[in-house]
């Protein structure tokens, strides 16, 4: 009976080792997803992995754009909200909605701060912006 218990323990250990091997990047609590502050500009719909990082980011959509057109005088500057998707390696994508012109212009996720630096183009009163014309400039930094 003792021999059977020992065999079962070895089989369980081998199975656990087999389950832990993966082609995905291994991230522990002490690993930063963004080793250095990184700025990136994404076009609408673009998906990219940040340089020297396991972080993937997607410019999903512009949720709202009520910014004051550049050719109009407004009482209020307005705001735009962008939605980006972030993921560590091949993990699930998490949507973040971030203001482009009003504070706060950032969102925190997994010890990473994502800040919207710029949303282009600026609106004009005579021309609606098509989704595919948008670009967003983002900054990623570790907040550990």
Protein backbone atom coordinates (compact mmCIF):
# COMPACT_ATOMS: atom_id res chain seq x y z
CA UNK A 1 0.00 0.00 0.00
CA UNK A 2 2.88 2.40 0.79
CA UNK A 3 4.30 1.67 -2.66
CA UNK A 4 0.96 2.70 -4.23
CA UNK A 5 0.89 5.98 -2.26
CA UNK A 6 4.43 6.81 -3.37
CA UNK A 7 3.51 6.10 -7.00
CA UNK A 8 0.43 8.35 -6.73
CA UNK A 9 2.54 11.19 -5.25
CA UNK A 10 5.08 10.91 -8.09
CA UNK A 11 2.29 10.86 -10.69
CA UNK A 12 0.67 13.97 -9.17
CA UNK A 13 4.00 15.83 -9.10
CA UNK A 14 4.68 14.95 -12.75
CA UNK A 15 1.20 16.09 -13.75
CA UNK A 16 1.66 19.40 -11.90
CA UNK A 17 4.98 20.02 -13.67
CA UNK A 18 3.41 19.21 -17.02
CA UNK A 19 0.57 21.65 -16.39
CA UNK A 20 2.90 24.48 -15.47
CA UNK A 21 4.92 24.37 -18.67
CA UNK A 22 3.62 26.88 -21.17
CA UNK A 23 4.71 28.90 -24.13
CA UNK A 24 3.21 32.02 -22.55
CA UNK A 25 5.50 34.41 -20.70
CA UNK A 26 5.66 33.68 -17.00
CA UNK A 27 4.89 36.71 -14.88
CA UNK A 28 5.35 36.74 -11.14
CA UNK A 29 4.41 39.40 -8.61
CA UNK A 30 7.87 41.01 -8.84
CA UNK A 31 7.92 41.33 -12.63
CA UNK A 32 6.85 44.63 -14.13
CA UNK A 33 4.72 44.37 -17.25
CA UNK A 34 6.39 47.55 -18.51
CA UNK A 35 10.14 47.62 -17.74
CA UNK A 36 10.48 51.29 -18.77
CA UNK A 37 8.12 54.15 -19.49
CA UNK A 38 6.91 53.62 -23.05
CA UNK A 39 4.96 55.86 -25.41
CA UNK A 40 3.15 54.44 -28.40
CA UNK A 41 0.78 55.79 -31.03
CA UNK A 42 -1.92 53.44 -32.29
CA UNK A 43 -4.30 53.84 -35.20
CA UNK A 44 -7.93 52.87 -34.73
CA UNK A 45 -8.21 49.06 -34.53
CA UNK A 46 -4.45 48.53 -34.25
CA UNK A 47 -3.16 45.80 -31.93
CA UNK A 48 0.48 45.72 -30.86
CA UNK A 49 2.83 44.26 -28.27
CA UNK A 50 4.94 46.91 -26.53
CA UNK A 51 8.70 46.70 -27.10
CA UNK A 52 10.59 44.79 -24.37
CA UNK A 53 7.33 43.91 -22.66
CA UNK A 54 4.71 41.17 -22.48
CA UNK A 55 2.00 43.84 -22.61
CA UNK A 56 -0.34 43.86 -25.62
CA UNK A 57 -2.53 46.86 -26.38
CA UNK A 58 -5.38 47.47 -28.82
CA UNK A 59 -7.05 50.75 -29.76
CA UNK A 60 -10.61 49.40 -29.69
CA UNK A 61 -12.80 52.47 -30.23
CA UNK A 62 -13.70 56.05 -29.45
CA UNK A 63 -16.58 55.81 -27.00
CA UNK A 64 -17.46 59.51 -27.21
CA UNK A 65 -16.00 62.62 -28.77
CA UNK A 66 -17.54 65.86 -27.61
CA UNK A 67 -14.35 67.93 -27.98
CA UNK A 68 -14.83 71.48 -29.14
CA UNK A 69 -14.10 71.78 -32.87
CA UNK A 70 -10.94 73.77 -33.61
CA UNK A 71 -12.85 76.19 -35.84
CA UNK A 72 -15.48 77.09 -33.21
CA UNK A 73 -15.42 79.08 -29.96
CA UNK A 74 -16.88 76.93 -27.17
CA UNK A 75 -17.79 77.58 -23.56
CA UNK A 76 -16.57 74.09 -22.64
CA UNK A 77 -13.60 72.24 -24.15
CA UNK A 78 -15.49 68.95 -24.21
CA UNK A 79 -14.01 65.51 -23.81
CA UNK A 80 -13.28 62.34 -25.68
CA UNK A 81 -13.22 58.86 -24.19
CA UNK A 82 -11.18 56.12 -25.80
CA UNK A 83 -11.38 52.41 -25.13
CA UNK A 84 -8.21 50.41 -25.28
CA UNK A 85 -7.70 46.75 -24.57
CA UNK A 86 -4.72 45.57 -22.53
CA UNK A 87 -3.46 42.05 -21.95
CA UNK A 88 -0.42 40.34 -20.46
CA UNK A 89 0.99 37.90 -23.00
CA UNK A 90 -1.78 35.73 -24.39
CA UNK A 91 -3.98 36.43 -21.37
CA UNK A 92 -7.47 37.88 -21.62
CA UNK A 93 -7.90 41.38 -22.98
CA UNK A 94 -9.25 43.86 -20.43
CA UNK A 95 -11.05 46.96 -21.76
CA UNK A 96 -10.07 50.33 -20.26
CA UNK A 97 -12.01 53.51 -20.97
CA UNK A 98 -9.87 56.62 -20.53
CA UNK A 99 -10.58 60.34 -20.91
CA UNK A 100 -8.57 62.06 -23.61
CA UNK A 101 -8.98 65.66 -22.47
CA UNK A 102 -10.51 65.73 -18.95
CA UNK A 103 -8.85 64.49 -15.78
CA UNK A 104 -8.23 61.79 -14.98
CA UNK A 105 -6.59 61.01 -18.29
CA UNK A 106 -5.27 57.66 -17.10
CA UNK A 107 -6.34 54.22 -15.90
CA UNK A 108 -4.38 51.80 -13.72
CA UNK A 109 -4.26 48.08 -14.51
CA UNK A 110 -1.99 45.39 -13.01
CA UNK A 111 0.52 47.96 -11.67
CA UNK A 112 0.64 49.74 -15.02
CA UNK A 113 -0.63 53.29 -15.54
CA UNK A 114 -1.98 53.96 -19.03
CA UNK A 115 -2.26 57.67 -19.88
CA UNK A 116 -3.85 59.21 -22.97
CA UNK A 117 -1.45 61.87 -24.24
CA UNK A 118 -3.25 62.83 -27.43
CA UNK A 119 -6.21 61.88 -29.59
CA UNK A 120 -6.10 62.96 -33.23
CA UNK A 121 -7.46 64.35 -35.43
CA UNK A 122 -8.97 67.37 -33.72
CA UNK A 123 -12.63 67.79 -34.60
CA UNK A 124 -13.81 70.37 -37.13
CA UNK A 125 -17.36 71.69 -37.30
CA UNK A 126 -17.75 70.91 -41.02
CA UNK A 127 -16.25 67.39 -41.14
CA UNK A 128 -17.25 64.38 -39.03
CA UNK A 129 -14.37 62.14 -38.01
CA UNK A 130 -14.54 58.59 -39.34
CA UNK A 131 -13.47 55.90 -36.84
CA UNK A 132 -10.59 54.78 -39.06
CA UNK A 133 -9.15 58.32 -39.02
CA UNK A 134 -8.48 58.31 -35.26
CA UNK A 135 -5.07 57.78 -33.65
CA UNK A 136 -4.27 57.77 -29.95
CA UNK A 137 -0.92 58.42 -28.30
CA UNK A 138 -0.53 56.53 -25.00
CA UNK A 139 2.07 56.36 -22.23
CA UNK A 140 2.62 53.15 -20.24
CA UNK A 141 4.54 53.23 -16.96
CA UNK A 142 5.02 50.94 -14.01
CA UNK A 143 3.40 52.21 -10.81
CA UNK A 144 5.04 49.77 -8.37
